[in-house]
């Protein structure tokens, strides 16, 4: 069962810097919502507020209408995360990275059972079983990203967050990761939320796109309406033009 994420008037400042200025957003259950915006627009802070890593100054994060902070452990049990740099533990083998949560979570598995699950998830992202006992340093960047994705889905989460999932990858591997994200979220029925500035990823992954600018959602709508929405901020970002309402930092 997937989960709807609702953000209501989410605000966050750091001193005099206003990062989020009242964000309202609904990420429908079972769909992929992609948040776009230029660097410094607040995408990462927004994700951290949802995860509870940063406490918002005001507003609410709701999961299926209930406050996300009501039961922190229950919330954490419902999501998976693919980090920007894969964020694998260098001292652990690949399978131990994938099964990290399985052997430490509330419903702990034995190491043997956790390894079996890890190998299954590795196969799902296109990696063979012989990779399981290698260490992250022995893998290419693309393979590390796949391991990160396998870890994100290891516990069959209801929500998966993707933080710049194709950063540092060549176009071919980026396409593979985009396709896997789309396929896997559909297979397990998860609600996906991605932050990215890679328009190729947006077009490959998104059901819904939200444009974040100056701490507010400028536009939100179906991915297939993004190119014709008429919003000048979205148009400039999508086309990558230096001319428009978004000021380029030089």
Protein backbone atom coordinates (compact mmCIF):
# COMPACT_ATOMS: atom_id res chain seq x y z
CA UNK A 1 0.00 0.00 0.00
CA UNK A 2 1.49 3.32 -1.07
CA UNK A 3 1.31 6.56 0.86
CA UNK A 4 0.25 10.10 -0.03
CA UNK A 5 2.59 12.87 1.13
CA UNK A 6 1.02 16.25 1.85
CA UNK A 7 2.97 19.40 2.67
CA UNK A 8 1.08 22.34 4.14
CA UNK A 9 2.61 25.82 4.39
CA UNK A 10 6.08 24.44 5.07
CA UNK A 11 8.51 27.21 6.03
CA UNK A 12 12.16 27.18 7.03
CA UNK A 13 14.72 29.91 7.59
CA UNK A 14 18.36 29.84 8.63
CA UNK A 15 18.97 33.14 10.32
CA UNK A 16 17.97 35.83 7.84
CA UNK A 17 17.99 33.42 4.90
CA UNK A 18 14.44 32.34 4.06
CA UNK A 19 14.74 28.99 2.29
CA UNK A 20 11.15 27.70 2.31
CA UNK A 21 8.40 30.30 2.24
CA UNK A 22 5.21 28.32 2.61
CA UNK A 23 5.39 25.20 0.45
CA UNK A 24 2.12 23.45 -0.34
CA UNK A 25 2.40 20.17 -2.20
CA UNK A 26 0.59 16.86 -2.58
CA UNK A 27 2.56 13.85 -3.80
CA UNK A 28 -0.15 11.35 -4.79
CA UNK A 29 0.12 7.78 -3.56
CA UNK A 30 1.77 5.42 -6.03
CA UNK A 31 3.02 8.18 -8.32
CA UNK A 32 6.44 9.70 -8.99
CA UNK A 33 6.60 13.39 -8.07
CA UNK A 34 9.73 15.18 -9.25
CA UNK A 35 10.73 18.52 -7.74
CA UNK A 36 12.82 20.73 -10.01
CA UNK A 37 14.50 24.03 -9.37
CA UNK A 38 17.81 25.79 -9.71
CA UNK A 39 20.64 25.28 -7.22
CA UNK A 40 19.82 26.98 -3.93
CA UNK A 41 16.07 26.94 -4.53
CA UNK A 42 15.43 24.85 -1.39
CA UNK A 43 15.00 21.36 -2.84
CA UNK A 44 17.38 19.62 -0.45
CA UNK A 45 16.05 21.49 2.59
CA UNK A 46 12.52 20.51 1.59
CA UNK A 47 13.52 16.85 1.42
CA UNK A 48 15.26 17.07 4.80
CA UNK A 49 12.14 18.61 6.34
CA UNK A 50 10.02 15.74 5.04
CA UNK A 51 12.50 13.21 6.43
CA UNK A 52 12.66 14.97 9.77
CA UNK A 53 16.38 15.74 9.45
CA UNK A 54 15.56 19.45 9.62
CA UNK A 55 12.71 20.81 11.73
CA UNK A 56 10.54 23.30 9.81
CA UNK A 57 9.71 26.62 11.44
CA UNK A 58 6.05 26.19 10.55
CA UNK A 59 3.75 23.98 8.53
CA UNK A 60 2.98 20.27 8.42
CA UNK A 61 4.20 17.09 6.78
CA UNK A 62 1.34 14.59 6.54
CA UNK A 63 1.37 10.94 5.48
CA UNK A 64 -2.09 9.80 4.46
CA UNK A 65 -3.43 12.75 6.44
CA UNK A 66 -1.54 11.97 9.65
CA UNK A 67 1.41 14.01 10.99
CA UNK A 68 4.69 12.36 9.98
CA UNK A 69 6.22 13.10 13.37
CA UNK A 70 3.44 11.38 15.35
CA UNK A 71 5.27 8.04 15.30
CA UNK A 72 8.84 8.56 14.13
CA UNK A 73 9.77 4.88 14.08
CA UNK A 74 6.69 3.97 12.04
CA UNK A 75 7.51 6.73 9.57
CA UNK A 76 11.11 5.60 9.15
CA UNK A 77 9.94 2.06 8.54
CA UNK A 78 7.88 3.21 5.56
CA UNK A 79 10.55 4.83 3.40
CA UNK A 80 13.68 4.05 1.42
CA UNK A 81 16.29 6.51 0.16
CA UNK A 82 18.69 6.66 -2.76
CA UNK A 83 21.34 9.22 -1.85
CA UNK A 84 23.07 11.48 -4.33
CA UNK A 85 26.46 9.81 -3.98
CA UNK A 86 25.07 6.33 -3.20
CA UNK A 87 26.50 6.81 0.35
CA UNK A 88 27.60 3.21 0.76
CA UNK A 89 29.57 2.03 3.79
CA UNK A 90 33.11 1.37 2.56
CA UNK A 91 33.85 -1.15 5.31
CA UNK A 92 30.82 -3.32 4.53
CA UNK A 93 30.38 -5.70 1.62
CA UNK A 94 27.77 -4.97 -1.02
CA UNK A 95 25.22 -7.35 0.46
CA UNK A 96 25.80 -5.94 3.95
CA UNK A 97 25.11 -2.47 2.57
CA UNK A 98 21.90 -3.62 0.89
CA UNK A 99 20.78 -5.60 3.94
CA UNK A 100 21.94 -3.04 6.52
CA UNK A 101 18.40 -2.13 7.54
CA UNK A 102 17.19 -5.71 7.46
CA UNK A 103 19.56 -6.92 10.18
CA UNK A 104 19.08 -3.86 12.38
CA UNK A 105 15.44 -2.93 11.95
CA UNK A 106 12.47 -3.68 14.18
CA UNK A 107 11.79 -6.99 12.44
CA UNK A 108 15.36 -8.21 12.28
CA UNK A 109 16.34 -10.94 9.86
CA UNK A 110 19.18 -13.36 10.35
CA UNK A 111 22.32 -12.52 8.37
CA UNK A 112 21.64 -15.50 6.13
CA UNK A 113 18.08 -14.39 5.33
CA UNK A 114 19.17 -10.77 4.91
CA UNK A 115 21.84 -11.86 2.44
CA UNK A 116 19.24 -13.79 0.43
CA UNK A 117 17.02 -10.69 0.24
CA UNK A 118 20.01 -8.53 -0.67
CA UNK A 119 21.01 -10.85 -3.52
CA UNK A 120 17.42 -10.80 -4.80
CA UNK A 121 17.34 -7.00 -4.78
CA UNK A 122 20.75 -6.81 -6.45
CA UNK A 123 19.46 -9.03 -9.23
CA UNK A 124 16.45 -6.72 -9.59
CA UNK A 125 18.73 -3.77 -10.33
CA UNK A 126 20.80 -5.79 -12.81
CA UNK A 127 23.70 -6.95 -10.64
CA UNK A 128 24.71 -10.61 -10.38
CA UNK A 129 25.03 -12.54 -7.13
CA UNK A 130 28.85 -12.56 -7.29
CA UNK A 131 28.82 -8.81 -6.62
CA UNK A 132 27.33 -9.41 -3.17
CA UNK A 133 30.65 -10.18 -1.45
CA UNK A 134 32.63 -7.39 -3.08
CA UNK A 135 33.29 -4.03 -1.45
CA UNK A 136 31.98 -0.70 -2.81
CA UNK A 137 35.48 0.44 -3.79
CA UNK A 138 35.68 -2.47 -6.24
CA UNK A 139 32.63 -1.23 -8.17
CA UNK A 140 32.16 1.43 -10.82
CA UNK A 141 30.09 4.53 -10.08
CA UNK A 142 27.13 3.14 -11.97
CA UNK A 143 27.28 -0.15 -10.09
CA UNK A 144 27.50 1.70 -6.77
CA UNK A 145 24.38 3.64 -7.71
CA UNK A 146 22.57 0.38 -8.45
CA UNK A 147 23.64 -0.98 -5.06
CA UNK A 148 22.24 2.19 -3.48
CA UNK A 149 18.96 1.60 -5.29
CA UNK A 150 18.89 -2.04 -4.15
CA UNK A 151 19.36 -0.86 -0.56
CA UNK A 152 16.55 1.69 -0.98
CA UNK A 153 14.08 -1.05 -1.96
CA UNK A 154 15.40 -3.80 0.34
CA UNK A 155 12.55 -3.46 2.85
CA UNK A 156 9.84 -2.94 0.18
CA UNK A 157 9.10 0.64 1.31
CA UNK A 158 5.90 2.57 0.70
CA UNK A 159 7.84 5.78 -0.04
CA UNK A 160 11.18 6.17 -1.82
CA UNK A 161 13.14 9.41 -1.99
CA UNK A 162 15.67 9.98 -4.77
CA UNK A 163 18.25 12.73 -4.29
CA UNK A 164 19.79 13.71 -7.66
CA UNK A 165 19.81 10.04 -8.72
CA UNK A 166 21.92 10.44 -11.88
CA UNK A 167 24.61 12.84 -10.64
CA UNK A 168 28.06 11.77 -11.82
CA UNK A 169 26.82 9.12 -14.24
CA UNK A 170 27.37 8.95 -17.98
CA UNK A 171 24.25 9.38 -20.15
CA UNK A 172 23.84 5.64 -20.77
CA UNK A 173 24.06 4.65 -17.11
CA UNK A 174 21.86 7.61 -16.17
CA UNK A 175 19.24 6.24 -18.55
CA UNK A 176 19.51 2.80 -16.94
CA UNK A 177 18.99 4.27 -13.46
CA UNK A 178 16.04 6.37 -14.61
CA UNK A 179 14.39 3.31 -16.15
CA UNK A 180 14.99 1.25 -13.00
CA UNK A 181 13.46 3.96 -10.80
CA UNK A 182 10.37 4.09 -12.97
CA UNK A 183 10.00 0.32 -13.18
CA UNK A 184 10.68 -0.48 -9.53
CA UNK A 185 8.40 2.16 -8.02
CA UNK A 186 5.61 0.87 -10.27
CA UNK A 187 6.32 -2.76 -9.34
CA UNK A 188 6.19 -2.26 -5.59
CA UNK A 189 3.53 0.44 -5.76
CA UNK A 190 5.68 2.97 -3.93
CA UNK A 191 5.22 6.72 -3.84
CA UNK A 192 8.35 8.25 -5.34
CA UNK A 193 9.72 11.73 -4.67
CA UNK A 194 12.77 12.91 -6.58
CA UNK A 195 14.72 16.15 -6.46
CA UNK A 196 16.81 16.87 -9.53
CA UNK A 197 17.88 19.48 -12.04
CA UNK A 198 18.45 16.86 -14.76
CA UNK A 199 15.65 17.32 -17.26
CA UNK A 200 16.32 13.91 -18.84
CA UNK A 201 15.56 12.32 -15.47
CA UNK A 202 12.45 14.46 -15.06
CA UNK A 203 11.02 13.30 -18.38
CA UNK A 204 11.88 9.65 -17.71
CA UNK A 205 10.65 9.43 -14.12
CA UNK A 206 7.92 11.96 -13.41
CA UNK A 207 4.18 11.53 -13.29
CA UNK A 208 3.93 14.94 -11.64
CA UNK A 209 6.39 17.84 -11.70
CA UNK A 210 6.67 20.67 -9.16
CA UNK A 211 8.82 23.73 -9.80
CA UNK A 212 10.37 25.19 -6.64
CA UNK A 213 11.68 28.74 -6.87
CA UNK A 214 12.50 31.23 -4.15
CA UNK A 215 11.12 28.91 -1.51
CA UNK A 216 7.69 28.46 -3.09
CA UNK A 217 6.07 26.09 -5.57
CA UNK A 218 5.80 28.13 -8.77
CA UNK A 219 3.96 25.49 -10.78
CA UNK A 220 2.77 21.93 -10.33
CA UNK A 221 1.15 19.65 -12.84
CA UNK A 222 1.37 16.47 -14.94
CA UNK A 223 4.75 15.86 -16.52
CA UNK A 224 3.29 15.92 -20.02
CA UNK A 225 2.07 19.50 -19.48
CA UNK A 226 5.44 20.83 -18.33
CA UNK A 227 6.55 22.07 -21.77
CA UNK A 228 3.30 23.87 -22.50
CA UNK A 229 2.33 25.17 -19.05
CA UNK A 230 3.15 28.78 -19.96
CA UNK A 231 4.94 29.56 -16.69
CA UNK A 232 8.04 31.64 -17.49
CA UNK A 233 10.06 30.12 -14.63
CA UNK A 234 9.34 26.58 -15.77
CA UNK A 235 10.00 27.48 -19.40
CA UNK A 236 13.38 29.02 -18.60
CA UNK A 237 14.43 26.09 -16.42
CA UNK A 238 13.31 23.45 -18.92
CA UNK A 239 15.06 25.12 -21.84
CA UNK A 240 18.14 26.11 -19.87
CA UNK A 241 17.97 29.68 -21.14
CA UNK A 242 20.04 32.41 -19.48
CA UNK A 243 17.25 34.87 -20.28
CA UNK A 244 14.18 34.91 -18.08
CA UNK A 245 12.93 35.62 -14.57
CA UNK A 246 15.47 33.29 -12.92
CA UNK A 247 18.66 35.24 -12.40
CA UNK A 248 21.78 33.32 -13.34
CA UNK A 249 24.48 33.53 -10.67
CA UNK A 250 27.72 34.51 -12.37
